[in-house]
Amino acid sequence: MFFSNLLLYRLTQDLAKDLGIDGESLAHALKSKPARACGSQELTTYGFIPPLGKGEDAPLVHESSGFYLVAARKEERILPGSVVRDALTEKVEEIETEQSRKVYKKERDQLKDDIVQAFLPRAFIRKATTYAAIAPALGLIIVNESSAKKAEDLLSTLREAVGSLPVRPIAVKVAPSATLTDWLKNQQASEGFFVLDNCELSDTHEEGGTVRCKRQDLTSDEIQNHLSAGKLVTRLSLAWNDKLSFTLDEKLTVRGLRFEDLLQEQAERDGGDDALSQLDASFVLMMLTLSEFVPELLDALGGEEQPQGI
């Protein structure tokens, strides 16, 4: 249970003290928004599933060492647009030929809706799961996603279930691209962080280009020339304290997160032979590691921005 991407959110109120939410009450609240299969005429459904384990008795919140793990599943029917367009074109041509009249927009829209409803029961179904970890003592919610839309889907559904969720995306005082550009120019990151060999450089002009470098020597003259020409670093691969490697982008999204082998081996030892115990051990070790990593990352990027009134 190691996350591969991180989107960071700040709880602006204490879950237990201000909102009266603990692991038990959270699990009870999530039962009001369970995941379920799509009905024959539904395009999509969304709800919570047990993050660890299966079956009716598996809890919707996994609580361990003061951390909570939750998971939401989206189920959607996949109906290719080209299939609908082809069927609509065929139907319109049939009407116009047989009835010798023009089919206008309002009627076309109704025909399209009818075609979608007829095709839905036969559409393929796709399922996707999003995980989130809640660290009440740190005031953090960490979503295992690189898509802000998918993270917001989980958070908004969580908000509906518990009634209130005072949370906002974490921001820093200095634009991440400015800090990452400075690190690359000076060929040295903040203490504990190390620049690796992948980056993305973008021109600040509206029609400017983008340069993507993979497995390159980022200390080379070529990279420095791009920076001297005014390009900014919009993605940079980094390592932290021999524990993590990742790519950070200009929106403060952590992608491609990898926990080093020693941490993964420690989780295997801590978990023993039982599969669920292994998952629990890896989750706790991950959260303890991220509890150190996230504050250090925010400090390295100039400190967390506190909006007015908070």
Foldseek 3Di string as FASTA:
>chain_A
DFFFKKFKKFFPDQCCPPQVDDQVVLQVLQVVFAFDEADLQDFKHKGWDQPDDDDPPRTQWDDDPQKIKHKMKMKGFDDDPVVLVVVLVVVQVVCCVVVVDHDDDVNSVVVSSVVSRVCRNVTDMDMDMKMWMDRSVLRMIITSDQDPVVVVVVVVSSCVSSVHTRMDGWDAPAQQQVQVLVCLLVVHAPPQKHFDWWWKWWAPDPPTDIDTTDNHDSNDPVNNVSVVVHITTQKTWMDGNLFWIFIAGRVRMTHRIDGDPVLLVVLDVQQDDDPSSSVVSSVVSNVVVVVVVVQVVSVRSHHIDDDPPD
